[in-house]
Amino acid sequence: MKKGKKQKLNTCGHAHRTFIVSILLFNTVACTRSF
């Protein structure tokens, strides 16, 4: 039970990190397009 909980937490953290990276990429592209 403890192991399963930790694995779920790691997956959640990975998804959150990917979400942040995608937003940063989107912002970079938006800035490049505006120039």
PDB file of N, CA and C in Angstrom:
ATOM      1  N   MET A   1       0.843  -1.198   0.000  1.00  0.00           N
ATOM      2  CA  MET A   1       0.000   0.000   0.000  1.00  0.00           C
ATOM      3  C   MET A   1       0.885   1.257   0.000  1.00  0.00           C
ATOM      4  N   LYS A   2       1.930   1.234   0.824  1.00  0.00           N
ATOM      5  CA  LYS A   2       2.824   2.389   0.912  1.00  0.00           C
ATOM      6  C   LYS A   2       3.546   2.618  -0.430  1.00  0.00           C
ATOM      7  N   LYS A   3       3.976   1.524  -1.039  1.00  0.00           N
ATOM      8  CA  LYS A   3       4.700   1.624  -2.313  1.00  0.00           C
ATOM      9  C   LYS A   3       3.802   2.207  -3.410  1.00  0.00           C
ATOM     10  N   GLY A   4       2.547   1.735  -3.453  1.00  0.00           N
ATOM     11  CA  GLY A   4       1.611   2.224  -4.459  1.00  0.00           C
ATOM     12  C   GLY A   4       1.356   3.714  -4.317  1.00  0.00           C
ATOM     13  N   LYS A   5       1.274   4.184  -3.070  1.00  0.00           N
ATOM     14  CA  LYS A   5       1.022   5.602  -2.817  1.00  0.00           C
ATOM     15  C   LYS A   5       2.194   6.454  -3.324  1.00  0.00           C
ATOM     16  N   LYS A   6       3.411   5.973  -3.080  1.00  0.00           N
ATOM     17  CA  LYS A   6       4.600   6.716  -3.510  1.00  0.00           C
ATOM     18  C   LYS A   6       4.668   6.776  -5.043  1.00  0.00           C
ATOM     19  N   GLN A   7       4.338   5.664  -5.693  1.00  0.00           N
ATOM     20  CA  GLN A   7       4.382   5.613  -7.152  1.00  0.00           C
ATOM     21  C   GLN A   7       3.391   6.616  -7.751  1.00  0.00           C
ATOM     22  N   LYS A   8       2.206   6.708  -7.154  1.00  0.00           N
ATOM     23  CA  LYS A   8       1.191   7.640  -7.634  1.00  0.00           C
ATOM     24  C   LYS A   8       1.687   9.080  -7.488  1.00  0.00           C
ATOM     25  N   LEU A   9       2.377   9.350  -6.384  1.00  0.00           N
ATOM     26  CA  LEU A   9       2.907  10.686  -6.124  1.00  0.00           C
ATOM     27  C   LEU A   9       3.955  11.057  -7.175  1.00  0.00           C
ATOM     28  N   ASN A  10       4.839  10.099  -7.503  1.00  0.00           N
ATOM     29  CA  ASN A  10       5.871  10.349  -8.511  1.00  0.00           C
ATOM     30  C   ASN A  10       5.241  10.638  -9.871  1.00  0.00           C
ATOM     31  N   THR A  11       4.201   9.887 -10.228  1.00  0.00           N
ATOM     32  CA  THR A  11       3.522  10.095 -11.505  1.00  0.00           C
ATOM     33  C   THR A  11       2.898  11.481 -11.539  1.00  0.00           C
ATOM     34  N   CYS A  12       2.311  11.890 -10.421  1.00  0.00           N
ATOM     35  CA  CYS A  12       1.675  13.202 -10.336  1.00  0.00           C
ATOM     36  C   CYS A  12       2.724  14.298 -10.503  1.00  0.00           C
ATOM     37  N   GLY A  13       3.871  14.138  -9.851  1.00  0.00           N
ATOM     38  CA  GLY A  13       4.941  15.123  -9.951  1.00  0.00           C
ATOM     39  C   GLY A  13       5.467  15.221 -11.375  1.00  0.00           C
ATOM     40  N   HIS A  14       5.596  14.077 -12.048  1.00  0.00           N
ATOM     41  CA  HIS A  14       6.092  14.057 -13.423  1.00  0.00           C
ATOM     42  C   HIS A  14       5.113  14.778 -14.350  1.00  0.00           C
ATOM     43  N   ALA A  15       3.822  14.534 -14.152  1.00  0.00           N
ATOM     44  CA  ALA A  15       2.797  15.178 -14.979  1.00  0.00           C
ATOM     45  C   ALA A  15       2.820  16.687 -14.764  1.00  0.00           C
ATOM     46  N   HIS A  16       2.999  17.109 -13.517  1.00  0.00           N
ATOM     47  CA  HIS A  16       3.032  18.532 -13.188  1.00  0.00           C
ATOM     48  C   HIS A  16       4.238  19.199 -13.855  1.00  0.00           C
ATOM     49  N   ARG A  17       5.376  18.495 -13.841  1.00  0.00           N
ATOM     50  CA  ARG A  17       6.593  19.042 -14.447  1.00  0.00           C
ATOM     51  C   ARG A  17       6.410  19.194 -15.958  1.00  0.00           C
ATOM     52  N   THR A  18       5.811  18.184 -16.588  1.00  0.00           N
ATOM     53  CA  THR A  18       5.564  18.243 -18.028  1.00  0.00           C
ATOM     54  C   THR A  18       4.639  19.399 -18.356  1.00  0.00           C
ATOM     55  N   PHE A  19       3.648  19.625 -17.500  1.00  0.00           N
ATOM     56  CA  PHE A  19       2.689  20.723 -17.692  1.00  0.00           C
ATOM     57  C   PHE A  19       3.410  22.068 -17.661  1.00  0.00           C
ATOM     58  N   ILE A  20       4.322  22.240 -16.703  1.00  0.00           N
ATOM     59  CA  ILE A  20       5.083  23.498 -16.580  1.00  0.00           C
ATOM     60  C   ILE A  20       5.963  23.697 -17.811  1.00  0.00           C
ATOM     61  N   VAL A  21       6.639  22.634 -18.243  1.00  0.00           N
ATOM     62  CA  VAL A  21       7.521  22.725 -19.410  1.00  0.00           C
ATOM     63  C   VAL A  21       6.728  23.111 -20.650  1.00  0.00           C
ATOM     64  N   SER A  22       5.549  22.522 -20.823  1.00  0.00           N
ATOM     65  CA  SER A  22       4.732  22.843 -21.996  1.00  0.00           C
ATOM     66  C   SER A  22       4.289  24.301 -21.973  1.00  0.00           C
ATOM     67  N   ILE A  23       3.998  24.834 -20.789  1.00  0.00           N
ATOM     68  CA  ILE A  23       3.598  26.247 -20.673  1.00  0.00           C
ATOM     69  C   ILE A  23       4.791  27.143 -21.014  1.00  0.00           C
ATOM     70  N   LEU A  24       5.981  26.793 -20.516  1.00  0.00           N
ATOM     71  CA  LEU A  24       7.177  27.579 -20.814  1.00  0.00           C
ATOM     72  C   LEU A  24       7.454  27.568 -22.312  1.00  0.00           C
ATOM     73  N   LEU A  25       7.315  26.402 -22.939  1.00  0.00           N
ATOM     74  CA  LEU A  25       7.518  26.297 -24.385  1.00  0.00           C
ATOM     75  C   LEU A  25       6.501  27.157 -25.120  1.00  0.00           C
ATOM     76  N   PHE A  26       5.257  27.113 -24.712  1.00  0.00           N
ATOM     77  CA  PHE A  26       4.198  27.899 -25.345  1.00  0.00           C
ATOM     78  C   PHE A  26       4.496  29.390 -25.229  1.00  0.00           C
ATOM     79  N   ASN A  27       4.937  29.826 -24.039  1.00  0.00           N
ATOM     80  CA  ASN A  27       5.283  31.242 -23.827  1.00  0.00           C
ATOM     81  C   ASN A  27       6.456  31.658 -24.712  1.00  0.00           C
ATOM     82  N   THR A  28       7.447  30.782 -24.828  1.00  0.00           N
ATOM     83  CA  THR A  28       8.614  31.085 -25.668  1.00  0.00           C
ATOM     84  C   THR A  28       8.198  31.240 -27.117  1.00  0.00           C
ATOM     85  N   VAL A  29       7.360  30.344 -27.610  1.00  0.00           N
ATOM     86  CA  VAL A  29       6.889  30.407 -28.993  1.00  0.00           C
ATOM     87  C   VAL A  29       6.069  31.675 -29.200  1.00  0.00           C
ATOM     88  N   ALA A  30       5.223  32.008 -28.237  1.00  0.00           N
ATOM     89  CA  ALA A  30       4.385  33.212 -28.339  1.00  0.00           C
ATOM     90  C   ALA A  30       5.259  34.462 -28.413  1.00  0.00           C
ATOM     91  N   CYS A  31       6.321  34.519 -27.596  1.00  0.00           N
ATOM     92  CA  CYS A  31       7.234  35.668 -27.603  1.00  0.00           C
ATOM     93  C   CYS A  31       7.961  35.752 -28.940  1.00  0.00           C
ATOM     94  N   THR A  32       8.402  34.603 -29.454  1.00  0.00           N
ATOM     95  CA  THR A  32       9.130  34.582 -30.723  1.00  0.00           C
ATOM     96  C   THR A  32       8.213  35.037 -31.858  1.00  0.00           C
ATOM     97  N   ARG A  33       6.946  34.628 -31.815  1.00  0.00           N
ATOM     98  CA  ARG A  33       5.998  34.993 -32.872  1.00  0.00           C
ATOM     99  C   ARG A  33       5.714  36.494 -32.864  1.00  0.00           C
ATOM    100  N   SER A  34       5.684  37.103 -31.684  1.00  0.00           N
ATOM    101  CA  SER A  34       5.331  38.525 -31.585  1.00  0.00           C
ATOM    102  C   SER A  34       6.446  39.426 -32.115  1.00  0.00           C
ATOM    103  N   PHE A  35       7.690  38.916 -32.181  1.00  0.00           N
ATOM    104  CA  PHE A  35       8.809  39.754 -32.637  1.00  0.00           C
ATOM    105  C   PHE A  35       8.881  39.863 -34.154  1.00  0.00           C
TER     106      PHE A  35
END
